[in-house]
Protein backbone atom coordinates (compact mmCIF):
# COMPACT_ATOMS: atom_id res chain seq x y z
CA MET A 1 23.51 -39.43 -6.76
CA GLY A 2 20.63 -37.46 -4.83
CA TYR A 3 22.63 -34.67 -4.30
CA LYS A 4 23.60 -33.77 -7.65
CA ARG A 5 19.70 -34.09 -8.28
CA LYS A 6 19.43 -31.97 -5.75
CA ILE A 7 21.91 -29.22 -7.56
CA LYS A 8 19.98 -29.88 -10.72
CA SER A 9 16.67 -29.26 -9.76
CA PHE A 10 17.79 -25.55 -7.97
CA GLU A 11 19.43 -24.92 -11.01
CA LYS A 12 16.53 -25.15 -12.77
CA LYS A 13 13.95 -23.12 -10.81
CA GLU A 14 13.07 -19.94 -11.80
CA PHE A 15 13.19 -16.77 -9.31
CA LYS A 16 10.62 -14.32 -9.36
CA GLU A 17 11.56 -11.13 -9.81
CA SER A 18 9.90 -8.73 -6.77
CA PHE A 19 7.35 -5.84 -6.89
CA SER A 20 10.25 -3.42 -6.17
CA ASN A 21 12.47 -4.85 -8.28
CA LYS A 22 10.07 -4.24 -11.42
CA ILE A 23 9.08 -1.04 -10.44
CA LYS A 24 12.31 -0.05 -10.85
CA ARG A 25 13.40 -1.53 -13.99
CA GLU A 26 10.15 0.47 -15.61
CA VAL A 27 11.69 3.65 -14.26
CA ILE A 28 14.62 2.72 -15.55
CA GLU A 29 13.92 1.47 -18.83
CA ASN A 30 11.02 4.45 -19.23
CA ILE A 31 14.10 6.87 -18.30
CA LEU A 32 16.26 5.63 -20.98
CA LYS A 33 13.62 5.62 -23.78
CA ASP A 34 12.93 9.37 -23.47
CA ILE A 35 17.19 9.54 -22.52
CA LYS A 36 17.42 12.49 -25.42
CA LYS A 37 14.34 14.12 -24.31
CA LEU A 38 15.82 15.15 -21.00
CA GLU A 39 18.05 18.00 -19.91
CA LYS A 40 21.53 18.20 -18.35
CA LEU A 41 20.04 19.16 -15.27
CA ASP A 42 17.28 16.47 -15.17
CA PHE A 43 20.27 13.95 -14.68
CA GLU A 44 21.94 16.45 -12.46
CA LEU A 45 19.06 15.54 -9.88
CA ILE A 46 18.75 12.04 -10.37
CA LEU A 47 22.09 11.92 -9.44
CA PHE A 48 21.40 14.31 -6.79
CA GLY A 49 19.24 11.49 -5.09
CA PHE A 50 21.10 8.59 -5.70
CA TYR A 51 23.57 10.61 -3.89
CA LEU A 52 21.05 11.75 -0.58
CA ILE A 53 20.65 8.24 -0.27
CA ASN A 54 24.66 7.45 -0.51
CA LYS A 55 26.69 9.85 -0.18
CA ASN A 56 29.55 7.14 -1.20
CA VAL A 57 27.77 6.69 -4.40
CA TYR A 58 31.23 7.22 -6.69
CA LYS A 59 32.27 3.66 -5.18
CA ASN A 60 29.03 1.70 -7.16
CA ILE A 61 30.58 3.48 -10.29
CA LEU A 62 33.88 2.41 -10.19
CA ASN A 63 33.01 -1.64 -8.42
CA GLU A 64 33.79 -3.67 -11.09
CA SER A 65 30.54 -5.62 -10.77
CA LYS A 66 27.80 -3.85 -11.63
CA THR A 67 24.11 -4.02 -10.70
CA LYS A 68 21.24 -3.15 -13.49
CA ILE A 69 20.96 0.50 -11.09
CA ASP A 70 25.15 1.10 -10.95
CA LYS A 71 25.16 0.74 -14.89
CA PHE A 72 21.72 3.27 -15.18
CA LEU A 73 23.44 5.35 -12.52
CA ASN A 74 26.86 5.72 -15.07
CA ARG A 75 24.81 6.59 -17.88
CA VAL A 76 23.40 9.27 -15.69
CA ILE A 77 26.76 10.18 -15.39
CA ASN A 78 27.82 9.92 -19.03
CA ASN A 79 24.82 12.41 -19.51
CA ILE A 80 25.70 14.48 -17.13
CA TYR A 81 29.38 14.70 -18.79
CA GLU A 82 28.09 15.02 -22.18
CA ILE A 83 30.51 12.60 -23.65
CA GLU A 84 31.16 9.23 -24.70
CA LYS A 85 30.54 6.20 -22.45
CA LYS A 86 33.87 4.46 -22.97
CA ASN A 87 35.83 7.34 -21.70
CA SER A 88 34.06 8.67 -18.70
CA ILE A 89 34.92 5.73 -16.26
CA GLU A 90 38.93 6.05 -18.06
CA LYS A 91 38.44 10.06 -17.05
CA TYR A 92 37.98 9.51 -13.31
CA SER A 93 38.88 5.87 -12.68
CA THR A 94 42.87 7.22 -11.47
CA SER A 95 41.88 8.30 -8.70
CA ASN A 96 38.97 7.88 -6.87
CA ARG A 97 39.26 11.05 -4.78
CA GLU A 98 38.94 13.26 -8.11
CA TYR A 99 36.20 11.49 -8.86
CA GLU A 100 34.57 11.39 -5.86
CA LYS A 101 35.25 15.30 -5.64
CA TYR A 102 33.47 16.13 -9.32
CA ILE A 103 30.33 14.36 -7.67
CA GLU A 104 30.31 16.32 -4.49
CA LEU A 105 30.78 19.49 -6.52
CA LYS A 106 27.69 18.66 -8.81
CA VAL A 107 25.83 17.96 -5.75
CA ASN A 108 26.79 21.27 -3.92
CA GLU A 109 26.02 23.45 -7.42
CA ILE A 110 22.46 21.37 -6.77
CA ILE A 111 21.77 21.89 -2.86
CA ASN A 112 22.79 25.89 -3.46
CA SER A 113 20.59 26.38 -6.50
CA LEU A 114 17.94 24.18 -5.11
CA LYS A 115 15.30 26.65 -3.90
CA GLU A 116 15.44 27.82 -7.38
CA ILE A 117 14.83 24.96 -9.40
CA ASP A 118 11.34 24.25 -10.52
CA LYS A 119 9.95 22.08 -7.97
CA LYS A 120 8.45 19.91 -10.91
CA GLN A 121 11.45 18.77 -11.35
CA TYR A 122 12.05 17.67 -8.16
CA LYS A 123 10.28 14.67 -9.33
CA TYR A 124 13.82 13.39 -10.98
CA ILE A 125 15.31 13.56 -7.03
CA LEU A 126 12.54 11.20 -6.18
CA ILE A 127 14.02 8.84 -9.11
CA GLY A 128 17.02 8.74 -8.04
CA MET A 129 16.05 8.19 -4.07
CA PHE A 130 14.20 5.37 -5.28
CA LEU A 131 16.39 3.63 -7.36
CA SER A 132 19.04 4.34 -4.85
CA GLY A 133 17.46 3.26 -1.60
CA GLY A 134 13.75 2.49 -2.29
CA TYR A 135 11.75 -0.44 -1.45
CA ILE A 136 8.01 -1.11 -1.84
CA ALA A 137 5.92 -3.71 -0.85
CA ASP A 138 3.46 -5.94 -2.95
CA PRO A 139 0.32 -4.01 -2.84
CA LYS A 140 -1.63 -7.43 -2.77
CA ARG A 141 0.49 -7.64 0.89
CA ALA A 142 0.86 -4.39 2.35
CA TYR A 143 0.87 -0.37 1.31
CA ASN A 144 4.43 0.21 1.87
CA LEU A 145 6.85 2.27 0.39
CA GLU A 146 10.49 3.37 2.27
CA PHE A 147 13.56 4.96 1.44
CA ASN A 148 16.69 3.67 3.36
CA PHE A 149 19.34 6.15 3.90
CA SER A 150 22.61 5.42 4.77
CA LEU A 151 23.35 8.26 7.53
CA ASN A 152 23.47 6.97 11.28
CA LYS A 153 27.14 6.22 10.38
CA LEU A 154 28.37 9.34 8.55
CA GLU A 155 29.33 13.08 10.42
CA LYS A 156 26.57 14.56 12.15
CA GLU A 157 26.90 17.62 10.14
CA TYR A 158 26.13 15.85 6.38
CA LYS A 159 23.40 13.83 8.66
CA GLU A 160 21.35 17.01 9.58
CA ILE A 161 21.60 18.59 5.88
CA THR A 162 20.42 15.30 4.16
CA GLU A 163 17.49 15.70 6.63
CA ASN A 164 16.76 18.40 5.53
CA ILE A 165 17.06 18.49 1.72
CA VAL A 166 14.43 14.66 1.39
CA LYS A 167 12.39 17.16 4.32
CA TYR A 168 11.88 20.10 1.58
CA ILE A 169 11.78 17.84 -1.06
CA LEU A 170 9.17 15.30 -0.15
CA ASP A 171 7.07 18.47 1.75
CA SER A 172 7.18 20.61 -2.29
CA LEU A 173 5.53 17.67 -4.24
CA ASP A 174 2.87 16.96 -1.26
CA ILE A 175 3.69 13.76 -0.18
CA LYS A 176 3.14 12.46 3.23
CA TYR A 177 5.26 11.10 5.06
CA ASN A 178 7.30 9.38 8.42
CA ILE A 179 10.13 8.96 9.59
CA TYR A 180 11.97 6.27 11.68
CA GLU A 181 15.12 6.03 12.94
CA ASP A 182 17.72 4.10 15.65
CA LYS A 183 21.36 3.61 16.06
CA GLU A 184 21.19 1.79 13.04
CA ILE A 185 18.11 3.12 10.82
CA TYR A 186 17.03 5.96 9.53
CA LYS A 187 14.22 5.75 6.34
CA VAL A 188 10.94 7.36 5.29
CA TYR A 189 8.48 5.50 4.81
CA ILE A 190 4.98 6.19 3.75
CA ARG A 191 1.63 3.69 4.43
CA LYS A 192 -1.00 5.56 2.60
CA GLY A 193 -2.73 3.98 -0.77
CA ASP A 194 -3.15 7.23 -2.05
CA GLU A 195 0.78 8.79 -1.06
CA ILE A 196 1.89 5.70 -2.87
CA VAL A 197 0.14 6.33 -6.49
CA LYS A 198 1.36 9.75 -5.99
CA VAL A 199 4.80 8.54 -5.69
CA LEU A 200 4.56 5.87 -7.62
CA ALA A 201 3.03 8.45 -10.72
CA LEU A 202 6.07 11.10 -9.82
CA ILE A 203 8.46 8.32 -10.70
CA GLY A 204 6.77 7.38 -14.04
CA SER A 205 5.53 3.99 -12.91
CA GLY A 206 2.32 3.33 -15.32
CA HIS A 207 2.23 -0.30 -14.23
CA GLY A 208 2.60 0.42 -10.24
CA VAL A 209 -0.18 2.94 -9.92
CA LEU A 210 -2.12 0.54 -12.55
CA ARG A 211 -0.85 -2.34 -10.00
CA PHE A 212 -2.29 -0.30 -6.89
CA GLU A 213 -5.18 1.06 -8.24
CA GLU A 214 -6.42 -2.19 -9.50
CA GLU A 215 -5.41 -4.04 -5.65
CA ARG A 216 -7.23 -0.56 -4.24
CA VAL A 217 -10.59 -1.48 -5.92
CA ILE A 218 -10.80 -5.38 -5.10
CA LYS A 219 -9.97 -4.82 -1.37
CA SER A 220 -12.53 -1.80 -1.77
CA VAL A 221 -15.16 -4.50 -3.20
CA ASN A 222 -14.21 -7.47 -0.66
CA GLN A 223 -14.70 -4.85 2.41
CA GLU A 224 -18.07 -3.71 0.95
CA LEU A 225 -18.87 -7.59 0.69
CA ASN A 226 -17.64 -8.06 3.94
CA ARG A 227 -19.48 -5.37 5.26
CA ASN A 228 -22.64 -6.67 3.40
CA LEU A 229 -21.82 -10.24 4.73
CA ASN A 230 -21.86 -9.31 8.67
CA PHE A 231 -24.73 -6.88 8.29
CA GLU A 232 -26.76 -10.02 6.78
CA THR A 233 -25.43 -12.00 9.50
CA SER A 234 -26.42 -10.06 11.97
CA ASN A 235 -29.55 -9.25 11.01
CA MET A 236 -30.32 -12.64 10.44
CA GLN A 237 -28.71 -13.94 14.28
CA LYS A 238 -31.21 -10.60 15.38
CA MET A 239 -34.36 -12.50 13.34
CA LEU A 240 -33.48 -16.22 14.93
CA LEU A 241 -33.60 -14.29 19.07
CA ALA A 242 -36.47 -12.37 18.33
CA ALA A 243 -38.35 -15.84 16.68
CA ASN A 244 -37.28 -18.05 19.41
CA LYS A 245 -38.24 -15.58 22.24
CA GLN A 246 -41.58 -15.36 20.75
CA LYS A 247 -41.93 -18.95 20.31
CA ASP A 248 -40.92 -19.61 23.81
CA ALA A 249 -43.61 -16.83 24.89
CA ILE A 250 -46.46 -19.08 22.90
CA ASN A 251 -44.89 -22.22 23.78
CA LYS A 252 -45.43 -20.82 27.91
CA ILE A 253 -49.02 -19.34 27.01
CA ARG A 254 -49.90 -22.74 25.27
CA LYS A 255 -48.63 -24.51 28.73
CA ASN A 256 -50.68 -22.35 31.07
CA ASN A 257 -53.91 -22.93 28.88
CA ILE A 258 -54.89 -19.15 28.09
CA GLU A 259 -56.88 -18.88 25.98
CA LEU A 260 -56.44 -16.46 22.90
CA ASP A 261 -58.52 -14.83 20.51
CA LYS A 262 -58.52 -15.64 17.17
CA LYS A 263 -55.94 -12.76 15.67
CA LEU A 264 -53.61 -13.97 18.30
CA GLU A 265 -54.32 -17.24 17.66
CA LEU A 266 -53.43 -17.03 14.18
CA ALA A 267 -50.14 -14.71 14.87
CA ALA A 268 -48.87 -17.75 17.52
CA GLU A 269 -49.86 -20.86 14.84
CA LEU A 270 -47.76 -18.54 12.37
CA ARG A 271 -44.60 -18.95 14.67
CA LEU A 272 -44.80 -22.32 15.58
CA ARG A 273 -45.17 -23.56 12.05
CA TYR A 274 -42.43 -21.39 10.86
CA PRO A 275 -40.34 -20.73 13.52
CA GLU A 276 -36.83 -19.53 11.61
CA VAL A 277 -38.24 -17.25 8.95
CA SER A 278 -38.43 -13.31 9.19
CA LEU A 279 -41.31 -11.40 9.99
CA LYS A 280 -41.65 -10.12 6.53
CA GLU A 281 -41.34 -13.42 5.33
CA LEU A 282 -43.79 -14.76 8.04
CA SER A 283 -46.55 -12.10 7.36
CA GLU A 284 -46.48 -12.84 3.19
CA LYS A 285 -47.85 -16.05 4.40
CA GLY A 286 -50.05 -15.00 7.33
CA ASN A 287 -51.28 -12.69 4.20
CA ILE A 288 -50.89 -9.84 7.41
CA SER A 289 -49.42 -7.06 6.90
CA ARG A 290 -45.88 -7.02 8.64
CA SER A 291 -45.91 -3.95 10.83
CA THR A 292 -50.16 -6.03 12.19
CA LEU A 293 -48.31 -9.11 12.56
CA ASN A 294 -45.41 -8.07 14.60
CA GLN A 295 -48.04 -6.21 17.32
CA ARG A 296 -49.74 -9.26 17.40
CA LEU A 297 -46.40 -10.95 18.57
CA LYS A 298 -44.93 -8.15 20.84
CA LYS A 299 -48.95 -8.70 22.21
CA LEU A 300 -48.28 -12.31 23.12
CA GLU A 301 -44.76 -11.80 24.10
CA LYS A 302 -46.20 -9.40 26.67
CA ILE A 303 -49.28 -11.93 28.02
CA ALA A 304 -46.44 -14.34 28.54
CA GLU A 305 -44.36 -12.28 30.92
CA GLU A 306 -47.25 -11.43 33.02
CA ILE A 307 -47.72 -15.10 33.71
CA LYS A 308 -46.21 -15.88 36.89
CA ASP A 309 -43.72 -18.83 36.88
């Protein structure tokens, strides 16, 4: 009975969509909304971005269980083919190799003409890369955007070509990035908020840009508050140390029965009466200027230092 209740509870549980998936969904929705405005080359560049992340991208199209991103890629392919959606898969589903050859043909066309393409259109390559192998953390937790590539298990020549193309695209878009690589992983990552916002703006994620800017403002305000708090705490500590030093000096003078003139006696009385207030507050209570009171308290400290223990 208890086991059944656990299953029922699990089924009712709502799973929160990750920040990264929200951004991907927004990017897909924006492209589909403006799909009639895009040129065939734009779709070819999106496909090229997918291909850079994973050379075997055609398998995502032919796979029966499709994610939202696979379905979107299918729409991209359809727009490249310029034929009806229902016919696109039929045409290339008979032979995986035939389908793969078609995509590689398109990719090679892009590679050969990449430097001739308007660099403003490189954003579509970035979109394909992000949808295929991108990850972005919620800015509330960390500033982190990554592109994870399936390169290390592939032939060396393909790996080197892809690395050079990716670097060329990111450099052309003036995006500052780092690369991490070991035997199993090859990824391009960005940790700076300004650069992440730049990428989000390029791929058309207004929500992502606003979310990042909002979080950056919150962090900036919190940092300023912390700085002010630390400053106030530091000043308070310094003030208390100075007051305690003055109080100890006065007590030492009185213990040794050293006579003081009226002005110094007044300064001594004020400090002992108000041992924890700031110099400014103390000067106001004694109706003396802050600088004058400070000089008198310093003089009391000097007198105490001259007393032999």
